[in-house]
N, C-alpha and C. Protein backbone atom coordinates (compact mmCIF):
# COMPACT_ATOMS: atom_id res chain seq x y z
N MET A 1 104.03 62.12 51.87
CA MET A 1 105.33 62.44 51.26
C MET A 1 105.40 63.92 50.92
N PRO A 2 106.52 64.58 51.15
CA PRO A 2 106.62 66.00 50.87
C PRO A 2 106.50 66.30 49.38
N GLU A 3 106.93 65.36 48.50
CA GLU A 3 106.85 65.59 47.06
C GLU A 3 105.43 65.89 46.62
N LYS A 4 104.45 65.29 47.29
CA LYS A 4 103.05 65.45 46.93
C LYS A 4 102.42 66.67 47.61
N GLN A 5 103.10 67.25 48.56
CA GLN A 5 102.50 68.33 49.34
C GLN A 5 102.98 69.71 48.89
N VAL A 6 104.15 69.82 48.31
CA VAL A 6 104.69 71.13 47.98
C VAL A 6 105.55 71.03 46.72
N PHE A 7 105.48 72.06 45.88
CA PHE A 7 106.30 72.09 44.67
C PHE A 7 107.68 72.61 45.03
N PRO A 8 108.73 71.95 44.53
CA PRO A 8 110.10 72.36 44.86
C PRO A 8 110.55 73.59 44.06
N THR A 9 110.12 74.76 44.53
CA THR A 9 110.53 76.01 43.89
C THR A 9 111.22 76.90 44.92
N LYS A 10 112.00 77.88 44.42
CA LYS A 10 112.69 78.80 45.34
C LYS A 10 111.69 79.65 46.12
N GLY A 11 110.58 80.01 45.47
CA GLY A 11 109.55 80.78 46.14
C GLY A 11 108.96 80.03 47.32
N ASN A 12 108.67 78.73 47.10
CA ASN A 12 108.14 77.91 48.20
C ASN A 12 109.17 77.71 49.29
N LEU A 13 110.44 77.61 48.91
CA LEU A 13 111.50 77.46 49.91
C LEU A 13 111.58 78.70 50.79
N LEU A 14 111.52 79.89 50.18
CA LEU A 14 111.54 81.13 50.96
C LEU A 14 110.33 81.23 51.88
N ALA A 15 109.14 80.85 51.34
CA ALA A 15 107.92 80.91 52.15
C ALA A 15 107.98 79.95 53.33
N LEU A 16 108.52 78.75 53.10
CA LEU A 16 108.62 77.76 54.18
C LEU A 16 109.64 78.19 55.24
N ASN A 17 110.74 78.80 54.81
CA ASN A 17 111.72 79.29 55.78
C ASN A 17 111.11 80.38 56.67
N LYS A 18 110.28 81.23 56.07
CA LYS A 18 109.59 82.25 56.86
C LYS A 18 108.60 81.61 57.81
N SER A 19 107.86 80.60 57.32
CA SER A 19 106.86 79.92 58.15
C SER A 19 107.49 79.19 59.32
N ILE A 20 108.64 78.57 59.08
CA ILE A 20 109.26 77.81 60.18
C ILE A 20 109.82 78.76 61.23
N ARG A 21 110.29 79.96 60.80
CA ARG A 21 110.74 80.95 61.79
C ARG A 21 109.57 81.41 62.66
N LEU A 22 108.43 81.64 62.02
CA LEU A 22 107.24 82.04 62.78
C LEU A 22 106.77 80.93 63.71
N ALA A 23 106.84 79.68 63.24
CA ALA A 23 106.42 78.55 64.06
C ALA A 23 107.32 78.40 65.29
N ARG A 24 108.63 78.61 65.09
CA ARG A 24 109.55 78.52 66.23
C ARG A 24 109.31 79.66 67.23
N MET A 25 109.02 80.86 66.70
CA MET A 25 108.67 81.97 67.59
C MET A 25 107.39 81.66 68.35
N GLY A 26 106.41 81.08 67.63
CA GLY A 26 105.15 80.70 68.28
C GLY A 26 105.37 79.67 69.37
N TYR A 27 106.25 78.71 69.11
CA TYR A 27 106.55 77.69 70.13
C TYR A 27 107.20 78.33 71.35
N ASP A 28 108.17 79.24 71.13
CA ASP A 28 108.83 79.91 72.25
C ASP A 28 107.82 80.71 73.08
N LEU A 29 106.90 81.40 72.39
CA LEU A 29 105.88 82.18 73.11
C LEU A 29 104.94 81.29 73.90
N MET A 30 104.51 80.18 73.30
CA MET A 30 103.61 79.25 73.99
C MET A 30 104.30 78.63 75.20
N ASP A 31 105.59 78.29 75.02
CA ASP A 31 106.34 77.68 76.12
C ASP A 31 106.53 78.69 77.25
N ARG A 32 106.82 79.94 76.89
CA ARG A 32 106.98 80.99 77.91
C ARG A 32 105.66 81.26 78.62
N LYS A 33 104.58 81.31 77.85
CA LYS A 33 103.25 81.52 78.43
C LYS A 33 102.92 80.40 79.41
N ARG A 34 103.18 79.17 78.99
CA ARG A 34 102.88 78.02 79.86
C ARG A 34 103.66 78.11 81.17
N ASN A 35 104.95 78.48 81.10
CA ASN A 35 105.77 78.56 82.31
C ASN A 35 105.29 79.67 83.25
N ILE A 36 104.90 80.82 82.67
CA ILE A 36 104.39 81.92 83.49
C ILE A 36 103.08 81.52 84.16
N LEU A 37 102.20 80.85 83.41
CA LEU A 37 100.92 80.41 83.97
C LEU A 37 101.12 79.36 85.07
N ILE A 38 102.10 78.49 84.88
CA ILE A 38 102.39 77.47 85.90
C ILE A 38 102.88 78.14 87.18
N ARG A 39 103.74 79.17 87.04
CA ARG A 39 104.21 79.89 88.23
C ARG A 39 103.05 80.57 88.95
N GLU A 40 102.15 81.17 88.17
CA GLU A 40 100.96 81.81 88.76
C GLU A 40 100.11 80.78 89.48
N MET A 41 99.97 79.60 88.87
CA MET A 41 99.16 78.54 89.48
C MET A 41 99.79 78.04 90.78
N MET A 42 101.12 77.91 90.79
CA MET A 42 101.81 77.47 92.00
C MET A 42 101.62 78.48 93.13
N ASP A 43 101.65 79.77 92.77
CA ASP A 43 101.42 80.82 93.79
C ASP A 43 100.03 80.68 94.40
N GLN A 44 99.03 80.40 93.54
CA GLN A 44 97.66 80.25 94.03
C GLN A 44 97.51 78.98 94.87
N LEU A 45 98.14 77.89 94.42
CA LEU A 45 98.04 76.62 95.15
C LEU A 45 98.65 76.72 96.55
N ALA A 46 99.68 77.54 96.66
CA ALA A 46 100.33 77.69 97.96
C ALA A 46 99.36 78.26 99.00
N LYS A 47 98.37 79.03 98.55
CA LYS A 47 97.42 79.65 99.47
C LYS A 47 96.27 78.71 99.84
N VAL A 48 95.99 77.75 98.96
CA VAL A 48 94.74 76.97 99.10
C VAL A 48 94.74 76.07 100.33
N LYS A 49 95.84 75.34 100.56
CA LYS A 49 95.86 74.36 101.65
C LYS A 49 95.55 75.02 103.00
N ASP A 50 96.29 76.08 103.32
CA ASP A 50 96.08 76.76 104.61
C ASP A 50 94.67 77.36 104.69
N LEU A 51 94.20 77.89 103.56
CA LEU A 51 92.88 78.51 103.53
C LEU A 51 91.77 77.49 103.78
N ARG A 52 91.89 76.33 103.16
CA ARG A 52 90.88 75.28 103.37
C ARG A 52 90.87 74.81 104.82
N GLU A 53 92.05 74.67 105.37
CA GLU A 53 92.15 74.25 106.78
C GLU A 53 91.52 75.30 107.69
N GLU A 54 91.76 76.58 107.40
CA GLU A 54 91.20 77.65 108.22
C GLU A 54 89.67 77.68 108.10
N ILE A 55 89.16 77.49 106.88
CA ILE A 55 87.70 77.47 106.68
C ILE A 55 87.07 76.32 107.45
N THR A 56 87.68 75.13 107.37
CA THR A 56 87.16 73.96 108.07
C THR A 56 87.11 74.21 109.57
N ALA A 57 88.20 74.74 110.11
CA ALA A 57 88.26 75.01 111.55
C ALA A 57 87.24 76.07 111.96
N THR A 58 87.07 77.10 111.12
CA THR A 58 86.12 78.17 111.44
C THR A 58 84.69 77.67 111.36
N TYR A 59 84.39 76.83 110.38
CA TYR A 59 83.06 76.23 110.27
C TYR A 59 82.73 75.41 111.52
N GLU A 60 83.71 74.63 111.98
CA GLU A 60 83.49 73.81 113.17
C GLU A 60 83.14 74.69 114.38
N LYS A 61 83.90 75.77 114.54
CA LYS A 61 83.65 76.69 115.65
C LYS A 61 82.29 77.37 115.50
N ALA A 62 81.97 77.75 114.25
CA ALA A 62 80.70 78.46 113.99
C ALA A 62 79.50 77.56 114.30
N TYR A 63 79.54 76.31 113.84
CA TYR A 63 78.41 75.40 114.08
C TYR A 63 78.31 75.01 115.55
N LEU A 64 79.46 74.92 116.22
CA LEU A 64 79.43 74.65 117.65
C LEU A 64 78.78 75.82 118.40
N ALA A 65 79.17 77.05 118.02
CA ALA A 65 78.57 78.24 118.64
C ALA A 65 77.07 78.32 118.34
N LEU A 66 76.69 77.95 117.12
CA LEU A 66 75.26 77.97 116.75
C LEU A 66 74.49 76.92 117.55
N GLN A 67 75.10 75.76 117.72
CA GLN A 67 74.46 74.71 118.51
C GLN A 67 74.27 75.16 119.96
N GLU A 68 75.29 75.83 120.51
CA GLU A 68 75.18 76.33 121.88
C GLU A 68 74.12 77.43 121.98
N ALA A 69 74.02 78.26 120.91
CA ALA A 69 72.98 79.30 120.90
C ALA A 69 71.60 78.68 120.85
N ASN A 70 71.45 77.62 120.06
CA ASN A 70 70.15 76.92 119.99
C ASN A 70 69.78 76.29 121.33
N ILE A 71 70.80 75.79 122.03
CA ILE A 71 70.54 75.15 123.33
C ILE A 71 70.11 76.19 124.36
N THR A 72 70.80 77.33 124.35
CA THR A 72 70.54 78.33 125.38
C THR A 72 69.35 79.24 125.06
N LEU A 73 69.04 79.41 123.77
CA LEU A 73 67.97 80.34 123.38
C LEU A 73 66.75 79.63 122.77
N GLY A 74 66.88 78.34 122.53
CA GLY A 74 65.88 77.67 121.71
C GLY A 74 66.30 77.82 120.25
N VAL A 75 65.56 77.28 119.32
CA VAL A 75 65.92 77.38 117.90
C VAL A 75 65.92 78.86 117.48
N VAL A 76 67.04 79.28 116.87
CA VAL A 76 67.23 80.72 116.63
C VAL A 76 66.86 81.14 115.19
N ASN A 77 66.05 80.33 114.51
CA ASN A 77 65.69 80.65 113.12
C ASN A 77 65.06 82.03 113.00
N GLU A 78 64.13 82.34 113.88
CA GLU A 78 63.42 83.62 113.79
C GLU A 78 64.36 84.79 114.05
N ILE A 79 65.28 84.61 115.00
CA ILE A 79 66.24 85.67 115.29
C ILE A 79 67.15 85.89 114.07
N ALA A 80 67.58 84.78 113.45
CA ALA A 80 68.50 84.85 112.30
C ALA A 80 67.87 85.58 111.12
N LYS A 81 66.53 85.53 111.02
CA LYS A 81 65.84 86.20 109.90
C LYS A 81 66.01 87.72 109.94
N ALA A 82 66.38 88.25 111.10
CA ALA A 82 66.58 89.71 111.22
C ALA A 82 67.88 90.15 110.55
N ILE A 83 68.76 89.18 110.26
CA ILE A 83 70.03 89.52 109.60
C ILE A 83 69.78 89.62 108.10
N PRO A 84 70.05 90.78 107.48
CA PRO A 84 69.75 90.96 106.06
C PRO A 84 70.66 90.13 105.16
N ILE A 85 70.17 89.84 103.96
CA ILE A 85 70.98 89.11 102.98
C ILE A 85 72.12 90.00 102.50
N ASP A 86 73.29 89.43 102.46
CA ASP A 86 74.49 90.18 102.06
C ASP A 86 74.70 90.00 100.55
N ASN A 87 74.62 91.10 99.81
CA ASN A 87 74.82 91.01 98.35
C ASN A 87 75.85 92.04 97.87
N GLY A 88 76.88 92.22 98.66
CA GLY A 88 77.89 93.23 98.32
C GLY A 88 79.04 92.70 97.50
N LEU A 89 78.78 91.64 96.70
CA LEU A 89 79.85 91.05 95.90
C LEU A 89 79.87 91.62 94.49
N ASP A 90 81.08 91.77 93.96
CA ASP A 90 81.26 92.18 92.56
C ASP A 90 82.48 91.44 92.03
N ILE A 91 82.53 91.25 90.72
CA ILE A 91 83.64 90.50 90.12
C ILE A 91 84.30 91.34 89.05
N THR A 92 85.62 91.47 89.13
CA THR A 92 86.41 92.08 88.05
C THR A 92 87.41 91.02 87.57
N TYR A 93 88.21 91.38 86.60
CA TYR A 93 89.18 90.43 86.05
C TYR A 93 90.54 91.08 85.88
N ARG A 94 91.57 90.28 86.04
CA ARG A 94 92.93 90.72 85.72
C ARG A 94 93.50 89.74 84.70
N SER A 95 94.34 90.23 83.84
CA SER A 95 94.87 89.41 82.75
C SER A 95 96.27 88.92 83.07
N VAL A 96 96.47 87.61 82.93
CA VAL A 96 97.80 87.01 83.06
C VAL A 96 98.10 86.28 81.76
N MET A 97 98.96 86.84 80.94
CA MET A 97 99.29 86.28 79.62
C MET A 97 98.03 86.00 78.79
N GLY A 98 97.09 86.94 78.85
CA GLY A 98 95.88 86.79 78.06
C GLY A 98 94.79 85.97 78.72
N VAL A 99 95.05 85.42 79.90
CA VAL A 99 94.05 84.62 80.63
C VAL A 99 93.35 85.53 81.63
N GLU A 100 92.03 85.61 81.53
CA GLU A 100 91.26 86.49 82.41
C GLU A 100 91.02 85.78 83.75
N ILE A 101 91.69 86.27 84.79
CA ILE A 101 91.58 85.68 86.12
C ILE A 101 90.56 86.49 86.93
N PRO A 102 89.51 85.84 87.46
CA PRO A 102 88.50 86.59 88.21
C PRO A 102 89.02 87.12 89.55
N LYS A 103 88.59 88.29 89.88
CA LYS A 103 88.93 88.92 91.17
C LYS A 103 87.62 89.31 91.84
N VAL A 104 87.35 88.70 92.99
CA VAL A 104 86.11 88.98 93.72
C VAL A 104 86.31 90.18 94.62
N ILE A 105 85.45 91.17 94.44
CA ILE A 105 85.50 92.37 95.28
C ILE A 105 84.30 92.35 96.21
N TYR A 106 84.58 92.42 97.50
CA TYR A 106 83.51 92.39 98.49
C TYR A 106 83.43 93.73 99.19
N LYS A 107 82.29 94.39 99.05
CA LYS A 107 82.05 95.65 99.73
C LYS A 107 81.44 95.35 101.09
N GLU A 108 82.32 95.26 102.07
CA GLU A 108 81.87 94.86 103.42
C GLU A 108 81.04 95.98 104.06
N PRO A 109 79.84 95.63 104.49
CA PRO A 109 78.99 96.67 105.11
C PRO A 109 79.53 97.07 106.48
N GLU A 110 79.04 98.16 106.95
CA GLU A 110 79.43 98.62 108.29
C GLU A 110 78.98 97.59 109.33
N VAL A 111 79.90 97.26 110.22
CA VAL A 111 79.58 96.25 111.24
C VAL A 111 78.59 96.83 112.25
N LYS A 112 77.44 96.20 112.34
CA LYS A 112 76.46 96.61 113.35
C LYS A 112 75.54 95.44 113.66
N ILE A 113 75.00 95.44 114.84
CA ILE A 113 74.10 94.37 115.25
C ILE A 113 72.77 94.52 114.52
N GLN A 114 72.36 93.43 113.82
CA GLN A 114 71.15 93.47 113.00
C GLN A 114 69.95 92.83 113.72
N TYR A 115 70.17 92.43 114.95
CA TYR A 115 69.10 91.74 115.68
C TYR A 115 69.02 92.30 117.09
N GLY A 116 67.90 92.06 117.75
CA GLY A 116 67.71 92.59 119.10
C GLY A 116 68.58 91.87 120.11
N ILE A 117 69.41 92.62 120.82
CA ILE A 117 70.33 91.98 121.76
C ILE A 117 69.62 91.49 123.03
N SER A 118 68.42 91.96 123.25
CA SER A 118 67.70 91.52 124.46
C SER A 118 67.24 90.07 124.35
N ASN A 119 67.09 89.59 123.10
CA ASN A 119 66.63 88.21 122.89
C ASN A 119 67.75 87.25 122.55
N THR A 120 68.99 87.69 122.61
CA THR A 120 70.12 86.82 122.27
C THR A 120 71.13 86.81 123.41
N ASN A 121 72.25 86.11 123.16
CA ASN A 121 73.33 86.07 124.15
C ASN A 121 74.68 86.01 123.44
N THR A 122 75.74 85.86 124.20
CA THR A 122 77.09 85.86 123.61
C THR A 122 77.32 84.67 122.69
N LYS A 123 76.61 83.54 122.93
CA LYS A 123 76.76 82.37 122.05
C LYS A 123 76.27 82.70 120.65
N PHE A 124 75.13 83.39 120.57
CA PHE A 124 74.59 83.78 119.27
C PHE A 124 75.50 84.80 118.60
N ASP A 125 76.01 85.75 119.39
CA ASP A 125 76.93 86.76 118.84
C ASP A 125 78.19 86.09 118.27
N SER A 126 78.67 85.10 119.00
CA SER A 126 79.87 84.39 118.55
C SER A 126 79.62 83.65 117.24
N ALA A 127 78.45 82.97 117.17
CA ALA A 127 78.09 82.26 115.94
C ALA A 127 77.99 83.24 114.77
N TYR A 128 77.36 84.38 115.02
CA TYR A 128 77.18 85.40 113.99
C TYR A 128 78.53 85.88 113.45
N MET A 129 79.47 86.18 114.35
CA MET A 129 80.78 86.67 113.94
C MET A 129 81.58 85.59 113.21
N LEU A 130 81.47 84.35 113.71
CA LEU A 130 82.21 83.25 113.06
C LEU A 130 81.69 82.97 111.66
N PHE A 131 80.37 83.02 111.47
CA PHE A 131 79.82 82.80 110.13
C PHE A 131 80.20 83.96 109.19
N GLN A 132 80.36 85.15 109.73
CA GLN A 132 80.86 86.26 108.90
C GLN A 132 82.30 85.99 108.46
N LYS A 133 83.09 85.44 109.37
CA LYS A 133 84.46 85.10 109.02
C LYS A 133 84.50 84.01 107.95
N VAL A 134 83.61 83.00 108.10
CA VAL A 134 83.51 81.93 107.09
C VAL A 134 83.17 82.54 105.72
N ARG A 135 82.24 83.48 105.72
CA ARG A 135 81.87 84.16 104.47
C ARG A 135 83.09 84.81 103.81
N ASP A 136 83.87 85.53 104.61
CA ASP A 136 85.04 86.23 104.06
C ASP A 136 86.06 85.23 103.50
N LEU A 137 86.29 84.16 104.23
CA LEU A 137 87.25 83.15 103.78
C LEU A 137 86.74 82.43 102.52
N THR A 138 85.42 82.18 102.46
CA THR A 138 84.84 81.50 101.31
C THR A 138 84.94 82.36 100.05
N ILE A 139 84.81 83.66 100.21
CA ILE A 139 84.97 84.58 99.08
C ILE A 139 86.39 84.45 98.51
N ILE A 140 87.37 84.43 99.40
CA ILE A 140 88.77 84.30 98.96
C ILE A 140 88.99 82.95 98.28
N LEU A 141 88.44 81.89 98.87
CA LEU A 141 88.61 80.55 98.30
C LEU A 141 87.95 80.44 96.94
N ALA A 142 86.75 81.02 96.79
CA ALA A 142 86.05 80.99 95.50
C ALA A 142 86.88 81.69 94.42
N GLU A 143 87.49 82.80 94.79
CA GLU A 143 88.33 83.52 93.84
C GLU A 143 89.52 82.67 93.41
N ILE A 144 90.17 82.02 94.38
CA ILE A 144 91.34 81.19 94.07
C ILE A 144 90.94 79.96 93.26
N ASP A 145 89.84 79.30 93.64
CA ASP A 145 89.39 78.10 92.91
C ASP A 145 89.08 78.43 91.45
N ASN A 146 88.42 79.57 91.22
CA ASN A 146 88.12 79.98 89.85
C ASN A 146 89.40 80.28 89.08
N ALA A 147 90.33 80.93 89.75
CA ALA A 147 91.62 81.25 89.11
C ALA A 147 92.36 79.97 88.75
N LEU A 148 92.36 78.99 89.66
CA LEU A 148 93.04 77.73 89.40
C LEU A 148 92.42 76.98 88.22
N TYR A 149 91.10 77.00 88.15
CA TYR A 149 90.41 76.32 87.02
C TYR A 149 90.80 76.97 85.70
N LYS A 150 90.76 78.31 85.64
CA LYS A 150 91.10 79.01 84.40
C LYS A 150 92.58 78.82 84.04
N LEU A 151 93.45 78.86 85.04
CA LEU A 151 94.87 78.68 84.79
C LEU A 151 95.17 77.27 84.29
N ALA A 152 94.55 76.27 84.92
CA ALA A 152 94.77 74.88 84.51
C ALA A 152 94.31 74.67 83.07
N ASP A 153 93.16 75.24 82.71
CA ASP A 153 92.65 75.12 81.34
C ASP A 153 93.58 75.81 80.35
N ALA A 154 94.07 77.00 80.70
CA ALA A 154 94.97 77.74 79.82
C ALA A 154 96.32 77.02 79.67
N ILE A 155 96.81 76.43 80.76
CA ILE A 155 98.07 75.67 80.71
C ILE A 155 97.92 74.46 79.79
N ARG A 156 96.79 73.77 79.91
CA ARG A 156 96.54 72.60 79.06
C ARG A 156 96.52 73.01 77.58
N LYS A 157 95.85 74.11 77.26
CA LYS A 157 95.77 74.57 75.87
C LYS A 157 97.14 75.01 75.35
N ALA A 158 97.89 75.75 76.20
CA ALA A 158 99.22 76.21 75.80
C ALA A 158 100.16 75.03 75.56
N ARG A 159 100.07 74.01 76.42
CA ARG A 159 100.90 72.82 76.26
C ARG A 159 100.54 72.08 74.97
N LYS A 160 99.24 71.99 74.72
CA LYS A 160 98.77 71.30 73.51
C LYS A 160 99.27 72.01 72.25
N ARG A 161 99.17 73.35 72.24
CA ARG A 161 99.61 74.12 71.07
C ARG A 161 101.13 74.04 70.91
N ALA A 162 101.85 74.14 72.03
CA ALA A 162 103.32 74.07 71.98
C ALA A 162 103.76 72.71 71.45
N ASN A 163 103.13 71.65 71.93
CA ASN A 163 103.47 70.30 71.48
C ASN A 163 103.16 70.10 70.00
N ALA A 164 102.03 70.69 69.55
CA ALA A 164 101.67 70.58 68.13
C ALA A 164 102.72 71.28 67.26
N LEU A 165 103.16 72.45 67.70
CA LEU A 165 104.19 73.17 66.94
C LEU A 165 105.51 72.41 66.94
N LYS A 166 105.89 71.91 68.12
CA LYS A 166 107.18 71.24 68.25
C LYS A 166 107.22 69.89 67.55
N ASN A 167 106.15 69.10 67.67
CA ASN A 167 106.18 67.71 67.20
C ASN A 167 105.53 67.49 65.84
N ILE A 168 104.73 68.47 65.36
CA ILE A 168 104.03 68.26 64.09
C ILE A 168 104.38 69.35 63.07
N VAL A 169 104.09 70.59 63.43
CA VAL A 169 104.23 71.69 62.46
C VAL A 169 105.69 71.91 62.06
N ILE A 170 106.57 72.10 63.05
CA ILE A 170 107.98 72.38 62.74
C ILE A 170 108.66 71.22 62.03
N PRO A 171 108.50 69.95 62.49
CA PRO A 171 109.09 68.83 61.73
C PRO A 171 108.57 68.73 60.30
N ASP A 172 107.28 69.05 60.09
CA ASP A 172 106.72 69.02 58.74
C ASP A 172 107.39 70.06 57.85
N TYR A 173 107.56 71.28 58.40
CA TYR A 173 108.26 72.33 57.64
C TYR A 173 109.70 71.90 57.35
N GLN A 174 110.36 71.33 58.34
CA GLN A 174 111.75 70.91 58.16
C GLN A 174 111.87 69.86 57.05
N GLU A 175 110.92 68.95 57.02
CA GLU A 175 110.94 67.90 56.00
C GLU A 175 110.73 68.49 54.60
N LYS A 176 109.79 69.43 54.51
CA LYS A 176 109.52 70.07 53.22
C LYS A 176 110.70 70.91 52.76
N ILE A 177 111.31 71.65 53.70
CA ILE A 177 112.48 72.48 53.36
C ILE A 177 113.63 71.60 52.87
N LYS A 178 113.85 70.50 53.55
CA LYS A 178 114.91 69.57 53.15
C LYS A 178 114.65 69.01 51.76
N TYR A 179 113.41 68.62 51.51
CA TYR A 179 113.04 68.07 50.21
C TYR A 179 113.26 69.09 49.09
N ILE A 180 112.79 70.33 49.30
CA ILE A 180 112.93 71.36 48.27
C ILE A 180 114.40 71.70 48.05
N ALA A 181 115.15 71.86 49.16
CA ALA A 181 116.57 72.21 49.05
C ALA A 181 117.32 71.14 48.28
N GLU A 182 117.07 69.87 48.61
CA GLU A 182 117.76 68.77 47.92
C GLU A 182 117.36 68.70 46.46
N THR A 183 116.07 68.93 46.18
CA THR A 183 115.59 68.90 44.80
C THR A 183 116.22 70.01 43.98
N LEU A 184 116.28 71.24 44.55
CA LEU A 184 116.87 72.37 43.84
C LEU A 184 118.37 72.16 43.61
N GLU A 185 119.04 71.59 44.62
CA GLU A 185 120.47 71.30 44.46
C GLU A 185 120.70 70.28 43.34
N GLU A 186 119.85 69.29 43.30
CA GLU A 186 119.96 68.27 42.25
C GLU A 186 119.71 68.88 40.88
N ARG A 187 118.73 69.77 40.81
CA ARG A 187 118.46 70.45 39.54
C ARG A 187 119.64 71.31 39.10
N GLU A 188 120.27 72.00 40.08
CA GLU A 188 121.43 72.83 39.76
C GLU A 188 122.59 71.99 39.26
N ARG A 189 122.79 70.83 39.89
CA ARG A 189 123.86 69.93 39.44
C ARG A 189 123.58 69.44 38.02
N GLU A 190 122.31 69.08 37.77
CA GLU A 190 121.94 68.61 36.43
C GLU A 190 122.13 69.72 35.40
N GLU A 191 121.75 70.96 35.78
CA GLU A 191 121.89 72.10 34.87
C GLU A 191 123.37 72.39 34.60
N PHE A 192 124.18 72.29 35.66
CA PHE A 192 125.62 72.51 35.50
C PHE A 192 126.22 71.47 34.57
N SER A 193 125.82 70.21 34.80
CA SER A 193 126.33 69.13 33.95
C SER A 193 125.88 69.32 32.50
N ARG A 194 124.63 69.75 32.30
CA ARG A 194 124.10 69.96 30.95
C ARG A 194 124.85 71.07 30.24
N ARG A 195 125.11 72.17 30.96
CA ARG A 195 125.85 73.28 30.35
C ARG A 195 127.29 72.88 30.01
N LYS A 196 127.87 72.11 30.90
CA LYS A 196 129.24 71.66 30.67
C LYS A 196 129.32 70.77 29.44
N LEU A 197 128.29 69.91 29.30
CA LEU A 197 128.26 69.02 28.14
C LEU A 197 128.06 69.80 26.84
N ILE A 198 127.16 70.82 26.91
CA ILE A 198 126.91 71.66 25.73
C ILE A 198 128.20 72.41 25.35
N LYS A 199 128.91 72.95 26.33
CA LYS A 199 130.14 73.68 26.07
C LYS A 199 131.19 72.75 25.47
N ARG A 200 131.28 71.52 25.96
CA ARG A 200 132.25 70.57 25.46
C ARG A 200 131.94 70.22 24.01
N ASN A 201 130.63 70.06 23.72
CA ASN A 201 130.24 69.72 22.34
C ASN A 201 130.54 70.87 21.39
N LYS A 202 130.38 72.12 21.86
CA LYS A 202 130.68 73.27 21.01
C LYS A 202 132.17 73.35 20.71
N VAL A 203 132.98 73.04 21.69
CA VAL A 203 134.43 73.06 21.51
C VAL A 203 134.84 72.06 20.47
N ARG A 204 134.22 70.87 20.55
CA ARG A 204 134.53 69.84 19.56
C ARG A 204 134.09 70.27 18.15
């Protein structure tokens, strides 16, 4: 009951009116943030389907080329060891409504053959190039997947906070404001009646 939660004074009424204005502003901001994040998420989702399909198709071609290289050259494990480990990845972040979205930066090395061409053939070259393409596509997909996870989590939190403001905090303030306003009005009526009675008695 509001009677037990707040004292019906003008000071409390002013404080509650200020609080409810801030709560409504907070709700508007949370709702706007949620809508912007949803738009950002939709933009990212639009890229995912085609990207996954392209990765799947490229993987199929790469493994087929690798299989053909194994058939024509024998198992190519030793040849593949001549290719150095690629560690040119770095991660930065961009902010979308306070949500840190990861951005993967890949410093692509100069394209050059890392293995002896006398011991390989075009099948191995094709597999090598296709797996490089898979790497590039996977970097893009990892960036998008991480962005989608962070955006989904931020949207869930923004929705939860907006709903709490709309369905709990603001109605609670409204109930308290109504209670205080009605109580003060009743007190004013009683005071007016009391003064009127005192004045009437003095006249008599």
